[in-house]
Amino acid sequence: MFDKIKTIILNYVDVDPDTITEGSEFIADLGFNSYDFMSFLGEVEDEFDIEVDEREAVKIRTVGEAAAYIESLQD
């Protein structure tokens, strides 16, 4: 799960893949802006065949939180 998310992240920002951890924050650490993040979520929806609730999405700050949320939708 984490590796798939990391691959998607690299479509949006130019960072060293080795610096992306579960604790990495999308905005503060990875340089996402709100448009990047919403586009990222759209790609996540397609990749994992899920539907992200926008009210829940705004609570996601880190890569680990995103992974946990995606996994919760797959159950």
PDB file of N, CA and C in Angstrom:
ATOM      1  N   MET A   1       0.825  -1.195   0.000  1.00  0.00           N
ATOM      2  CA  MET A   1       0.000   0.000   0.000  1.00  0.00           C
ATOM      3  C   MET A   1       0.872   1.263   0.000  1.00  0.00           C
ATOM      4  N   PHE A   2       1.826   1.310   0.936  1.00  0.00           N
ATOM      5  CA  PHE A   2       2.681   2.494   1.047  1.00  0.00           C
ATOM      6  C   PHE A   2       3.449   2.738  -0.253  1.00  0.00           C
ATOM      7  N   ASP A   3       3.986   1.681  -0.850  1.00  0.00           N
ATOM      8  CA  ASP A   3       4.759   1.846  -2.086  1.00  0.00           C
ATOM      9  C   ASP A   3       3.895   2.342  -3.240  1.00  0.00           C
ATOM     10  N   LYS A   4       2.650   1.870  -3.315  1.00  0.00           N
ATOM     11  CA  LYS A   4       1.748   2.355  -4.371  1.00  0.00           C
ATOM     12  C   LYS A   4       1.447   3.836  -4.178  1.00  0.00           C
ATOM     13  N   ILE A   5       1.206   4.227  -2.933  1.00  0.00           N
ATOM     14  CA  ILE A   5       0.917   5.634  -2.644  1.00  0.00           C
ATOM     15  C   ILE A   5       2.137   6.492  -2.967  1.00  0.00           C
ATOM     16  N   LYS A   6       3.310   5.998  -2.601  1.00  0.00           N
ATOM     17  CA  LYS A   6       4.546   6.732  -2.874  1.00  0.00           C
ATOM     18  C   LYS A   6       4.719   6.944  -4.376  1.00  0.00           C
ATOM     19  N   THR A   7       4.431   5.932  -5.162  1.00  0.00           N
ATOM     20  CA  THR A   7       4.533   6.050  -6.614  1.00  0.00           C
ATOM     21  C   THR A   7       3.590   7.135  -7.137  1.00  0.00           C
ATOM     22  N   ILE A   8       2.377   7.166  -6.611  1.00  0.00           N
ATOM     23  CA  ILE A   8       1.414   8.192  -7.037  1.00  0.00           C
ATOM     24  C   ILE A   8       1.897   9.574  -6.615  1.00  0.00           C
ATOM     25  N   ILE A   9       2.423   9.696  -5.404  1.00  0.00           N
ATOM     26  CA  ILE A   9       2.943  10.985  -4.919  1.00  0.00           C
ATOM     27  C   ILE A   9       3.988  11.530  -5.880  1.00  0.00           C
ATOM     28  N   LEU A  10       4.840  10.652  -6.386  1.00  0.00           N
ATOM     29  CA  LEU A  10       5.926  11.097  -7.268  1.00  0.00           C
ATOM     30  C   LEU A  10       5.430  11.621  -8.609  1.00  0.00           C
ATOM     31  N   ASN A  11       4.154  11.399  -8.936  1.00  0.00           N
ATOM     32  CA  ASN A  11       3.562  11.998 -10.131  1.00  0.00           C
ATOM     33  C   ASN A  11       3.274  13.483  -9.934  1.00  0.00           C
ATOM     34  N   TYR A  12       3.270  13.928  -8.675  1.00  0.00           N
ATOM     35  CA  TYR A  12       2.848  15.299  -8.371  1.00  0.00           C
ATOM     36  C   TYR A  12       3.962  16.198  -7.847  1.00  0.00           C
ATOM     37  N   VAL A  13       4.960  15.611  -7.231  1.00  0.00           N
ATOM     38  CA  VAL A  13       6.044  16.433  -6.679  1.00  0.00           C
ATOM     39  C   VAL A  13       7.395  15.809  -7.020  1.00  0.00           C
ATOM     40  N   ASP A  14       8.390  16.652  -7.100  1.00  0.00           N
ATOM     41  CA  ASP A  14       9.740  16.210  -7.432  1.00  0.00           C
ATOM     42  C   ASP A  14      10.557  16.152  -6.148  1.00  0.00           C
ATOM     43  N   VAL A  15      10.482  15.008  -5.483  1.00  0.00           N
ATOM     44  CA  VAL A  15      11.243  14.796  -4.254  1.00  0.00           C
ATOM     45  C   VAL A  15      11.979  13.461  -4.364  1.00  0.00           C
ATOM     46  N   ASP A  16      12.989  13.301  -3.563  1.00  0.00           N
ATOM     47  CA  ASP A  16      13.719  12.036  -3.508  1.00  0.00           C
ATOM     48  C   ASP A  16      12.792  10.986  -2.907  1.00  0.00           C
ATOM     49  N   PRO A  17      12.526   9.901  -3.630  1.00  0.00           N
ATOM     50  CA  PRO A  17      11.609   8.873  -3.118  1.00  0.00           C
ATOM     51  C   PRO A  17      12.007   8.339  -1.741  1.00  0.00           C
ATOM     52  N   ASP A  18      13.296   8.334  -1.460  1.00  0.00           N
ATOM     53  CA  ASP A  18      13.764   7.822  -0.172  1.00  0.00           C
ATOM     54  C   ASP A  18      13.393   8.732   0.996  1.00  0.00           C
ATOM     55  N   THR A  19      13.026   9.981   0.697  1.00  0.00           N
ATOM     56  CA  THR A  19      12.659  10.899   1.778  1.00  0.00           C
ATOM     57  C   THR A  19      11.190  10.781   2.168  1.00  0.00           C
ATOM     58  N   ILE A  20      10.411  10.053   1.385  1.00  0.00           N
ATOM     59  CA  ILE A  20       8.983   9.907   1.682  1.00  0.00           C
ATOM     60  C   ILE A  20       8.802   8.799   2.714  1.00  0.00           C
ATOM     61  N   THR A  21       8.244   9.174   3.861  1.00  0.00           N
ATOM     62  CA  THR A  21       7.964   8.207   4.920  1.00  0.00           C
ATOM     63  C   THR A  21       6.486   8.297   5.281  1.00  0.00           C
ATOM     64  N   GLU A  22       6.039   7.403   6.142  1.00  0.00           N
ATOM     65  CA  GLU A  22       4.642   7.465   6.580  1.00  0.00           C
ATOM     66  C   GLU A  22       4.366   8.745   7.353  1.00  0.00           C
ATOM     67  N   GLY A  23       5.398   9.329   7.932  1.00  0.00           N
ATOM     68  CA  GLY A  23       5.228  10.570   8.689  1.00  0.00           C
ATOM     69  C   GLY A  23       5.352  11.826   7.851  1.00  0.00           C
ATOM     70  N   SER A  24       5.677  11.679   6.570  1.00  0.00           N
ATOM     71  CA  SER A  24       5.809  12.844   5.695  1.00  0.00           C
ATOM     72  C   SER A  24       4.470  13.545   5.543  1.00  0.00           C
ATOM     73  N   GLU A  25       4.477  14.867   5.738  1.00  0.00           N
ATOM     74  CA  GLU A  25       3.263  15.654   5.552  1.00  0.00           C
ATOM     75  C   GLU A  25       3.190  16.116   4.098  1.00  0.00           C
ATOM     76  N   PHE A  26       2.001  15.987   3.520  1.00  0.00           N
ATOM     77  CA  PHE A  26       1.829  16.321   2.110  1.00  0.00           C
ATOM     78  C   PHE A  26       2.240  17.764   1.800  1.00  0.00           C
ATOM     79  N   ILE A  27       1.794  18.705   2.620  1.00  0.00           N
ATOM     80  CA  ILE A  27       2.065  20.115   2.326  1.00  0.00           C
ATOM     81  C   ILE A  27       3.423  20.550   2.866  1.00  0.00           C
ATOM     82  N   ALA A  28       3.665  20.338   4.146  1.00  0.00           N
ATOM     83  CA  ALA A  28       4.892  20.833   4.784  1.00  0.00           C
ATOM     84  C   ALA A  28       6.150  20.142   4.277  1.00  0.00           C
ATOM     85  N   ASP A  29       6.102  18.825   4.105  1.00  0.00           N
ATOM     86  CA  ASP A  29       7.311  18.080   3.741  1.00  0.00           C
ATOM     87  C   ASP A  29       7.447  17.801   2.250  1.00  0.00           C
ATOM     88  N   LEU A  30       6.334  17.549   1.589  1.00  0.00           N
ATOM     89  CA  LEU A  30       6.400  17.128   0.180  1.00  0.00           C
ATOM     90  C   LEU A  30       6.100  18.254  -0.802  1.00  0.00           C
ATOM     91  N   GLY A  31       5.610  19.387  -0.310  1.00  0.00           N
ATOM     92  CA  GLY A  31       5.390  20.537  -1.179  1.00  0.00           C
ATOM     93  C   GLY A  31       4.102  20.512  -1.986  1.00  0.00           C
ATOM     94  N   PHE A  32       3.146  19.694  -1.566  1.00  0.00           N
ATOM     95  CA  PHE A  32       1.851  19.670  -2.247  1.00  0.00           C
ATOM     96  C   PHE A  32       1.136  20.999  -2.037  1.00  0.00           C
ATOM     97  N   ASN A  33       0.366  21.433  -3.029  1.00  0.00           N
ATOM     98  CA  ASN A  33      -0.597  22.510  -2.810  1.00  0.00           C
ATOM     99  C   ASN A  33      -1.980  21.848  -2.821  1.00  0.00           C
ATOM    100  N   SER A  34      -3.024  22.606  -2.589  1.00  0.00           N
ATOM    101  CA  SER A  34      -4.359  21.998  -2.477  1.00  0.00           C
ATOM    102  C   SER A  34      -4.793  21.348  -3.789  1.00  0.00           C
ATOM    103  N   TYR A  35      -4.431  21.945  -4.922  1.00  0.00           N
ATOM    104  CA  TYR A  35      -4.786  21.353  -6.214  1.00  0.00           C
ATOM    105  C   TYR A  35      -4.070  20.015  -6.404  1.00  0.00           C
ATOM    106  N   ASP A  36      -2.763  19.985  -6.082  1.00  0.00           N
ATOM    107  CA  ASP A  36      -2.002  18.729  -6.180  1.00  0.00           C
ATOM    108  C   ASP A  36      -2.660  17.647  -5.333  1.00  0.00           C
ATOM    109  N   PHE A  37      -3.045  18.020  -4.117  1.00  0.00           N
ATOM    110  CA  PHE A  37      -3.597  17.029  -3.196  1.00  0.00           C
ATOM    111  C   PHE A  37      -4.924  16.478  -3.710  1.00  0.00           C
ATOM    112  N   MET A  38      -5.775  17.343  -4.229  1.00  0.00           N
ATOM    113  CA  MET A  38      -7.073  16.883  -4.745  1.00  0.00           C
ATOM    114  C   MET A  38      -6.861  16.012  -5.996  1.00  0.00           C
ATOM    115  N   SER A  39      -5.898  16.367  -6.826  1.00  0.00           N
ATOM    116  CA  SER A  39      -5.581  15.545  -7.999  1.00  0.00           C
ATOM    117  C   SER A  39      -5.029  14.193  -7.562  1.00  0.00           C
ATOM    118  N   PHE A  40      -4.169  14.214  -6.553  1.00  0.00           N
ATOM    119  CA  PHE A  40      -3.631  12.983  -5.980  1.00  0.00           C
ATOM    120  C   PHE A  40      -4.757  12.085  -5.494  1.00  0.00           C
ATOM    121  N   LEU A  41      -5.722  12.666  -4.783  1.00  0.00           N
ATOM    122  CA  LEU A  41      -6.848  11.872  -4.274  1.00  0.00           C
ATOM    123  C   LEU A  41      -7.666  11.273  -5.413  1.00  0.00           C
ATOM    124  N   GLY A  42      -7.842  12.020  -6.487  1.00  0.00           N
ATOM    125  CA  GLY A  42      -8.557  11.485  -7.651  1.00  0.00           C
ATOM    126  C   GLY A  42      -7.841  10.284  -8.238  1.00  0.00           C
ATOM    127  N   GLU A  43      -6.529  10.371  -8.311  1.00  0.00           N
ATOM    128  CA  GLU A  43      -5.757   9.244  -8.838  1.00  0.00           C
ATOM    129  C   GLU A  43      -5.825   8.053  -7.878  1.00  0.00           C
ATOM    130  N   VAL A  44      -5.810   8.324  -6.580  1.00  0.00           N
ATOM    131  CA  VAL A  44      -5.942   7.260  -5.573  1.00  0.00           C
ATOM    132  C   VAL A  44      -7.287   6.556  -5.727  1.00  0.00           C
ATOM    133  N   GLU A  45      -8.338   7.338  -5.950  1.00  0.00           N
ATOM    134  CA  GLU A  45      -9.665   6.745  -6.147  1.00  0.00           C
ATOM    135  C   GLU A  45      -9.657   5.787  -7.333  1.00  0.00           C
ATOM    136  N   ASP A  46      -9.046   6.202  -8.423  1.00  0.00           N
ATOM    137  CA  ASP A  46      -8.977   5.351  -9.615  1.00  0.00           C
ATOM    138  C   ASP A  46      -8.132   4.107  -9.372  1.00  0.00           C
ATOM    139  N   GLU A  47      -6.984   4.301  -8.756  1.00  0.00           N
ATOM    140  CA  GLU A  47      -6.037   3.206  -8.538  1.00  0.00           C
ATOM    141  C   GLU A  47      -6.598   2.130  -7.617  1.00  0.00           C
ATOM    142  N   PHE A  48      -7.277   2.560  -6.553  1.00  0.00           N
ATOM    143  CA  PHE A  48      -7.742   1.611  -5.545  1.00  0.00           C
ATOM    144  C   PHE A  48      -9.239   1.314  -5.635  1.00  0.00           C
ATOM    145  N   ASP A  49      -9.909   1.912  -6.629  1.00  0.00           N
ATOM    146  CA  ASP A  49     -11.345   1.714  -6.828  1.00  0.00           C
ATOM    147  C   ASP A  49     -12.134   2.007  -5.552  1.00  0.00           C
ATOM    148  N   ILE A  50     -11.909   3.215  -5.027  1.00  0.00           N
ATOM    149  CA  ILE A  50     -12.595   3.674  -3.816  1.00  0.00           C
ATOM    150  C   ILE A  50     -13.175   5.053  -4.081  1.00  0.00           C
ATOM    151  N   GLU A  51     -13.992   5.528  -3.151  1.00  0.00           N
ATOM    152  CA  GLU A  51     -14.508   6.894  -3.230  1.00  0.00           C
ATOM    153  C   GLU A  51     -14.136   7.619  -1.952  1.00  0.00           C
ATOM    154  N   VAL A  52     -13.350   8.674  -2.100  1.00  0.00           N
ATOM    155  CA  VAL A  52     -12.864   9.442  -0.961  1.00  0.00           C
ATOM    156  C   VAL A  52     -13.915  10.473  -0.564  1.00  0.00           C
ATOM    157  N   ASP A  53     -14.234  10.513   0.713  1.00  0.00           N
ATOM    158  CA  ASP A  53     -15.159  11.506   1.260  1.00  0.00           C
ATOM    159  C   ASP A  53     -14.368  12.799   1.489  1.00  0.00           C
ATOM    160  N   GLU A  54     -14.785  13.880   0.851  1.00  0.00           N
ATOM    161  CA  GLU A  54     -14.039  15.139   0.952  1.00  0.00           C
ATOM    162  C   GLU A  54     -13.927  15.630   2.389  1.00  0.00           C
ATOM    163  N   ARG A  55     -14.941  15.373   3.207  1.00  0.00           N
ATOM    164  CA  ARG A  55     -14.876  15.802   4.617  1.00  0.00           C
ATOM    165  C   ARG A  55     -13.795  15.042   5.365  1.00  0.00           C
ATOM    166  N   GLU A  56     -13.567  13.797   4.981  1.00  0.00           N
ATOM    167  CA  GLU A  56     -12.504  13.003   5.600  1.00  0.00           C
ATOM    168  C   GLU A  56     -11.147  13.369   5.002  1.00  0.00           C
ATOM    169  N   ALA A  57     -11.124  13.677   3.724  1.00  0.00           N
ATOM    170  CA  ALA A  57      -9.872  13.977   3.035  1.00  0.00           C
ATOM    171  C   ALA A  57      -9.170  15.187   3.635  1.00  0.00           C
ATOM    172  N   VAL A  58      -9.930  16.181   4.075  1.00  0.00           N
ATOM    173  CA  VAL A  58      -9.297  17.387   4.620  1.00  0.00           C
ATOM    174  C   VAL A  58      -8.590  17.109   5.947  1.00  0.00           C
ATOM    175  N   LYS A  59      -8.874  15.985   6.559  1.00  0.00           N
ATOM    176  CA  LYS A  59      -8.224  15.618   7.821  1.00  0.00           C
ATOM    177  C   LYS A  59      -6.879  14.930   7.598  1.00  0.00           C
ATOM    178  N   ILE A  60      -6.622  14.495   6.359  1.00  0.00           N
ATOM    179  CA  ILE A  60      -5.399  13.754   6.047  1.00  0.00           C
ATOM    180  C   ILE A  60      -4.229  14.724   5.918  1.00  0.00           C
ATOM    181  N   ARG A  61      -3.216  14.511   6.742  1.00  0.00           N
ATOM    182  CA  ARG A  61      -2.031  15.366   6.718  1.00  0.00           C
ATOM    183  C   ARG A  61      -0.780  14.607   6.269  1.00  0.00           C
ATOM    184  N   THR A  62      -0.693  13.325   6.643  1.00  0.00           N
ATOM    185  CA  THR A  62       0.533  12.567   6.367  1.00  0.00           C
ATOM    186  C   THR A  62       0.271  11.410   5.400  1.00  0.00           C
ATOM    187  N   VAL A  63       1.353  10.892   4.854  1.00  0.00           N
ATOM    188  CA  VAL A  63       1.265   9.748   3.954  1.00  0.00           C
ATOM    189  C   VAL A  63       0.689   8.542   4.703  1.00  0.00           C
ATOM    190  N   GLY A  64       1.093   8.357   5.947  1.00  0.00           N
ATOM    191  CA  GLY A  64       0.574   7.249   6.755  1.00  0.00           C
ATOM    192  C   GLY A  64      -0.919   7.364   6.993  1.00  0.00           C
ATOM    193  N   GLU A  65      -1.395   8.587   7.243  1.00  0.00           N
ATOM    194  CA  GLU A  65      -2.837   8.797   7.426  1.00  0.00           C
ATOM    195  C   GLU A  65      -3.579   8.468   6.137  1.00  0.00           C
ATOM    196  N   ALA A  66      -3.004   8.835   5.004  1.00  0.00           N
ATOM    197  CA  ALA A  66      -3.631   8.528   3.716  1.00  0.00           C
ATOM    198  C   ALA A  66      -3.711   7.017   3.521  1.00  0.00           C
ATOM    199  N   ALA A  67      -2.633   6.320   3.836  1.00  0.00           N
ATOM    200  CA  ALA A  67      -2.613   4.858   3.681  1.00  0.00           C
ATOM    201  C   ALA A  67      -3.662   4.209   4.576  1.00  0.00           C
ATOM    202  N   ALA A  68      -3.745   4.659   5.825  1.00  0.00           N
ATOM    203  CA  ALA A  68      -4.716   4.091   6.761  1.00  0.00           C
ATOM    204  C   ALA A  68      -6.142   4.353   6.282  1.00  0.00           C
ATOM    205  N   TYR A  69      -6.388   5.554   5.770  1.00  0.00           N
ATOM    206  CA  TYR A  69      -7.732   5.893   5.287  1.00  0.00           C
ATOM    207  C   TYR A  69      -8.101   5.035   4.075  1.00  0.00           C
ATOM    208  N   ILE A  70      -7.186   4.891   3.144  1.00  0.00           N
ATOM    209  CA  ILE A  70      -7.437   4.069   1.950  1.00  0.00           C
ATOM    210  C   ILE A  70      -7.719   2.633   2.354  1.00  0.00           C
ATOM    211  N   GLU A  71      -6.910   2.103   3.257  1.00  0.00           N
ATOM    212  CA  GLU A  71      -7.127   0.733   3.722  1.00  0.00           C
ATOM    213  C   GLU A  71      -8.492   0.571   4.395  1.00  0.00           C
ATOM    214  N   SER A  72      -8.930   1.593   5.132  1.00  0.00           N
ATOM    215  CA  SER A  72     -10.234   1.518   5.790  1.00  0.00           C
ATOM    216  C   SER A  72     -11.368   1.466   4.779  1.00  0.00           C
ATOM    217  N   LEU A  73     -11.179   2.101   3.618  1.00  0.00           N
ATOM    218  CA  LEU A  73     -12.207   2.096   2.578  1.00  0.00           C
ATOM    219  C   LEU A  73     -12.236   0.781   1.815  1.00  0.00           C
ATOM    220  N   GLN A  74     -11.157   0.039   1.869  1.00  0.00           N
ATOM    221  CA  GLN A  74     -11.090  -1.220   1.140  1.00  0.00           C
ATOM    222  C   GLN A  74     -11.677  -2.388   1.932  1.00  0.00           C
ATOM    223  N   ASP A  75     -11.881  -2.195   3.206  1.00  0.00           N
ATOM    224  CA  ASP A  75     -12.412  -3.290   4.046  1.00  0.00           C
ATOM    225  C   ASP A  75     -13.842  -3.631   3.696  1.00  0.00           C
TER     226      ASP A  75
END
